[in-house]
Amino acid sequence: MTFIKDYVFVPVELEHEAGKENEQRSEQEAKRLALVQQAQQQGGC
């Protein structure tokens, strides 16, 4: 059995994927902040 020990590092792909993750996180963070503000206005904890 042969094992390949060489890995190809492609930083461009990682940056592209990281950009998508950051966009999703920022959307989730915006939704979370809106819910927190709504709860505070309604007299939540």
PDB file of N, CA and C in Angstrom:
ATOM      1  N   MET A   1       0.854  -1.182   0.000  1.00  0.00           N
ATOM      2  CA  MET A   1       0.000   0.000   0.000  1.00  0.00           C
ATOM      3  C   MET A   1       0.895   1.240   0.000  1.00  0.00           C
ATOM      4  N   THR A   2       0.538   2.218  -0.799  1.00  0.00           N
ATOM      5  CA  THR A   2       1.335   3.432  -0.929  1.00  0.00           C
ATOM      6  C   THR A   2       0.611   4.607  -0.286  1.00  0.00           C
ATOM      7  N   PHE A   3       1.337   5.352   0.513  1.00  0.00           N
ATOM      8  CA  PHE A   3       0.777   6.547   1.133  1.00  0.00           C
ATOM      9  C   PHE A   3       1.445   7.772   0.524  1.00  0.00           C
ATOM     10  N   ILE A   4       0.658   8.728   0.148  1.00  0.00           N
ATOM     11  CA  ILE A   4       1.203   9.962  -0.409  1.00  0.00           C
ATOM     12  C   ILE A   4       1.327  10.966   0.733  1.00  0.00           C
ATOM     13  N   LYS A   5       2.528  11.444   0.944  1.00  0.00           N
ATOM     14  CA  LYS A   5       2.781  12.350   2.064  1.00  0.00           C
ATOM     15  C   LYS A   5       2.796  13.813   1.644  1.00  0.00           C
ATOM     16  N   ASP A   6       2.701  14.074   0.362  1.00  0.00           N
ATOM     17  CA  ASP A   6       2.752  15.446  -0.134  1.00  0.00           C
ATOM     18  C   ASP A   6       1.355  16.037  -0.198  1.00  0.00           C
ATOM     19  N   TYR A   7       1.211  17.242   0.292  1.00  0.00           N
ATOM     20  CA  TYR A   7      -0.064  17.945   0.258  1.00  0.00           C
ATOM     21  C   TYR A   7       0.114  19.240  -0.525  1.00  0.00           C
ATOM     22  N   VAL A   8      -0.887  19.597  -1.269  1.00  0.00           N
ATOM     23  CA  VAL A   8      -0.836  20.839  -2.039  1.00  0.00           C
ATOM     24  C   VAL A   8      -1.641  21.890  -1.285  1.00  0.00           C
ATOM     25  N   PHE A   9      -1.010  22.986  -0.970  1.00  0.00           N
ATOM     26  CA  PHE A   9      -1.659  24.065  -0.238  1.00  0.00           C
ATOM     27  C   PHE A   9      -2.129  25.119  -1.232  1.00  0.00           C
ATOM     28  N   VAL A  10      -3.425  25.391  -1.237  1.00  0.00           N
ATOM     29  CA  VAL A  10      -3.996  26.365  -2.165  1.00  0.00           C
ATOM     30  C   VAL A  10      -4.644  27.482  -1.349  1.00  0.00           C
ATOM     31  N   PRO A  11      -3.893  28.531  -1.019  1.00  0.00           N
ATOM     32  CA  PRO A  11      -4.432  29.600  -0.175  1.00  0.00           C
ATOM     33  C   PRO A  11      -5.593  30.356  -0.808  1.00  0.00           C
ATOM     34  N   VAL A  12      -5.649  30.426  -2.124  1.00  0.00           N
ATOM     35  CA  VAL A  12      -6.736  31.152  -2.788  1.00  0.00           C
ATOM     36  C   VAL A  12      -8.073  30.495  -2.468  1.00  0.00           C
ATOM     37  N   GLU A  13      -8.120  29.170  -2.518  1.00  0.00           N
ATOM     38  CA  GLU A  13      -9.354  28.453  -2.208  1.00  0.00           C
ATOM     39  C   GLU A  13      -9.753  28.678  -0.753  1.00  0.00           C
ATOM     40  N   LEU A  14      -8.792  28.654   0.147  1.00  0.00           N
ATOM     41  CA  LEU A  14      -9.095  28.866   1.561  1.00  0.00           C
ATOM     42  C   LEU A  14      -9.644  30.266   1.789  1.00  0.00           C
ATOM     43  N   GLU A  15      -9.071  31.256   1.129  1.00  0.00           N
ATOM     44  CA  GLU A  15      -9.560  32.626   1.274  1.00  0.00           C
ATOM     45  C   GLU A  15     -10.979  32.739   0.749  1.00  0.00           C
ATOM     46  N   HIS A  16     -11.268  32.066  -0.354  1.00  0.00           N
ATOM     47  CA  HIS A  16     -12.612  32.103  -0.936  1.00  0.00           C
ATOM     48  C   HIS A  16     -13.620  31.471   0.028  1.00  0.00           C
ATOM     49  N   GLU A  17     -13.262  30.313   0.598  1.00  0.00           N
ATOM     50  CA  GLU A  17     -14.150  29.642   1.547  1.00  0.00           C
ATOM     51  C   GLU A  17     -14.302  30.470   2.815  1.00  0.00           C
ATOM     52  N   ALA A  18     -13.221  31.071   3.283  1.00  0.00           N
ATOM     53  CA  ALA A  18     -13.274  31.891   4.489  1.00  0.00           C
ATOM     54  C   ALA A  18     -14.175  33.094   4.266  1.00  0.00           C
ATOM     55  N   GLY A  19     -14.162  33.646   3.073  1.00  0.00           N
ATOM     56  CA  GLY A  19     -15.032  34.779   2.755  1.00  0.00           C
ATOM     57  C   GLY A  19     -16.489  34.393   2.865  1.00  0.00           C
ATOM     58  N   LYS A  20     -16.839  33.217   2.381  1.00  0.00           N
ATOM     59  CA  LYS A  20     -18.220  32.746   2.479  1.00  0.00           C
ATOM     60  C   LYS A  20     -18.614  32.550   3.933  1.00  0.00           C
ATOM     61  N   GLU A  21     -17.704  31.951   4.724  1.00  0.00           N
ATOM     62  CA  GLU A  21     -17.994  31.718   6.139  1.00  0.00           C
ATOM     63  C   GLU A  21     -18.178  33.040   6.872  1.00  0.00           C
ATOM     64  N   ASN A  22     -17.336  34.026   6.555  1.00  0.00           N
ATOM     65  CA  ASN A  22     -17.451  35.324   7.211  1.00  0.00           C
ATOM     66  C   ASN A  22     -18.769  35.996   6.862  1.00  0.00           C
ATOM     67  N   GLU A  23     -19.218  35.852   5.615  1.00  0.00           N
ATOM     68  CA  GLU A  23     -20.500  36.433   5.219  1.00  0.00           C
ATOM     69  C   GLU A  23     -21.636  35.777   5.991  1.00  0.00           C
ATOM     70  N   GLN A  24     -21.595  34.464   6.123  1.00  0.00           N
ATOM     71  CA  GLN A  24     -22.633  33.749   6.856  1.00  0.00           C
ATOM     72  C   GLN A  24     -22.608  34.146   8.321  1.00  0.00           C
ATOM     73  N   ARG A  25     -21.408  34.254   8.882  1.00  0.00           N
ATOM     74  CA  ARG A  25     -21.290  34.637  10.290  1.00  0.00           C
ATOM     75  C   ARG A  25     -21.819  36.042  10.516  1.00  0.00           C
ATOM     76  N   SER A  26     -21.519  36.966   9.601  1.00  0.00           N
ATOM     77  CA  SER A  26     -21.977  38.339   9.778  1.00  0.00           C
ATOM     78  C   SER A  26     -23.498  38.411   9.661  1.00  0.00           C
ATOM     79  N   GLU A  27     -24.083  37.603   8.771  1.00  0.00           N
ATOM     80  CA  GLU A  27     -25.542  37.568   8.666  1.00  0.00           C
ATOM     81  C   GLU A  27     -26.151  37.005   9.943  1.00  0.00           C
ATOM     82  N   GLN A  28     -25.564  35.940  10.464  1.00  0.00           N
ATOM     83  CA  GLN A  28     -26.057  35.344  11.701  1.00  0.00           C
ATOM     84  C   GLN A  28     -25.901  36.321  12.859  1.00  0.00           C
ATOM     85  N   GLU A  29     -24.791  37.031  12.899  1.00  0.00           N
ATOM     86  CA  GLU A  29     -24.547  38.003  13.964  1.00  0.00           C
ATOM     87  C   GLU A  29     -25.559  39.142  13.886  1.00  0.00           C
ATOM     88  N   ALA A  30     -25.883  39.592  12.684  1.00  0.00           N
ATOM     89  CA  ALA A  30     -26.870  40.660  12.517  1.00  0.00           C
ATOM     90  C   ALA A  30     -28.243  40.193  12.997  1.00  0.00           C
ATOM     91  N   LYS A  31     -28.612  38.971  12.663  1.00  0.00           N
ATOM     92  CA  LYS A  31     -29.894  38.422  13.122  1.00  0.00           C
ATOM     93  C   LYS A  31     -29.913  38.306  14.639  1.00  0.00           C
ATOM     94  N   ARG A  32     -28.790  37.843  15.208  1.00  0.00           N
ATOM     95  CA  ARG A  32     -28.701  37.685  16.660  1.00  0.00           C
ATOM     96  C   ARG A  32     -28.837  39.035  17.357  1.00  0.00           C
ATOM     97  N   LEU A  33     -28.145  40.043  16.834  1.00  0.00           N
ATOM     98  CA  LEU A  33     -28.222  41.370  17.437  1.00  0.00           C
ATOM     99  C   LEU A  33     -29.638  41.931  17.355  1.00  0.00           C
ATOM    100  N   ALA A  34     -30.317  41.695  16.237  1.00  0.00           N
ATOM    101  CA  ALA A  34     -31.694  42.168  16.094  1.00  0.00           C
ATOM    102  C   ALA A  34     -32.596  41.488  17.116  1.00  0.00           C
ATOM    103  N   LEU A  35     -32.414  40.194  17.332  1.00  0.00           N
ATOM    104  CA  LEU A  35     -33.221  39.476  18.319  1.00  0.00           C
ATOM    105  C   LEU A  35     -32.921  39.950  19.736  1.00  0.00           C
ATOM    106  N   VAL A  36     -31.655  40.231  20.018  1.00  0.00           N
ATOM    107  CA  VAL A  36     -31.278  40.734  21.344  1.00  0.00           C
ATOM    108  C   VAL A  36     -31.916  42.095  21.589  1.00  0.00           C
ATOM    109  N   GLN A  37     -31.860  42.972  20.604  1.00  0.00           N
ATOM    110  CA  GLN A  37     -32.460  44.298  20.753  1.00  0.00           C
ATOM    111  C   GLN A  37     -33.968  44.191  20.936  1.00  0.00           C
ATOM    112  N   GLN A  38     -34.595  43.296  20.195  1.00  0.00           N
ATOM    113  CA  GLN A  38     -36.038  43.102  20.315  1.00  0.00           C
ATOM    114  C   GLN A  38     -36.386  42.602  21.716  1.00  0.00           C
ATOM    115  N   ALA A  39     -35.609  41.667  22.228  1.00  0.00           N
ATOM    116  CA  ALA A  39     -35.863  41.134  23.567  1.00  0.00           C
ATOM    117  C   ALA A  39     -35.666  42.214  24.621  1.00  0.00           C
ATOM    118  N   GLN A  40     -34.660  43.059  24.441  1.00  0.00           N
ATOM    119  CA  GLN A  40     -34.415  44.132  25.399  1.00  0.00           C
ATOM    120  C   GLN A  40     -35.562  45.138  25.387  1.00  0.00           C
ATOM    121  N   GLN A  41     -36.099  45.433  24.215  1.00  0.00           N
ATOM    122  CA  GLN A  41     -37.208  46.376  24.116  1.00  0.00           C
ATOM    123  C   GLN A  41     -38.474  45.803  24.752  1.00  0.00           C
ATOM    124  N   GLN A  42     -38.615  44.485  24.703  1.00  0.00           N
ATOM    125  CA  GLN A  42     -39.795  43.845  25.277  1.00  0.00           C
ATOM    126  C   GLN A  42     -39.628  43.598  26.773  1.00  0.00           C
ATOM    127  N   GLY A  43     -38.501  43.991  27.325  1.00  0.00           N
ATOM    128  CA  GLY A  43     -38.287  43.841  28.757  1.00  0.00           C
ATOM    129  C   GLY A  43     -37.705  42.499  29.137  1.00  0.00           C
ATOM    130  N   GLY A  44     -36.961  41.898  28.239  1.00  0.00           N
ATOM    131  CA  GLY A  44     -36.303  40.629  28.546  1.00  0.00           C
ATOM    132  C   GLY A  44     -35.189  40.844  29.546  1.00  0.00           C
ATOM    133  N   CYS A  45     -34.547  39.783  29.951  1.00  0.00           N
ATOM    134  CA  CYS A  45     -33.479  39.855  30.960  1.00  0.00           C
ATOM    135  C   CYS A  45     -32.430  40.803  30.527  1.00  0.00           C
TER     136      CYS A  45
END
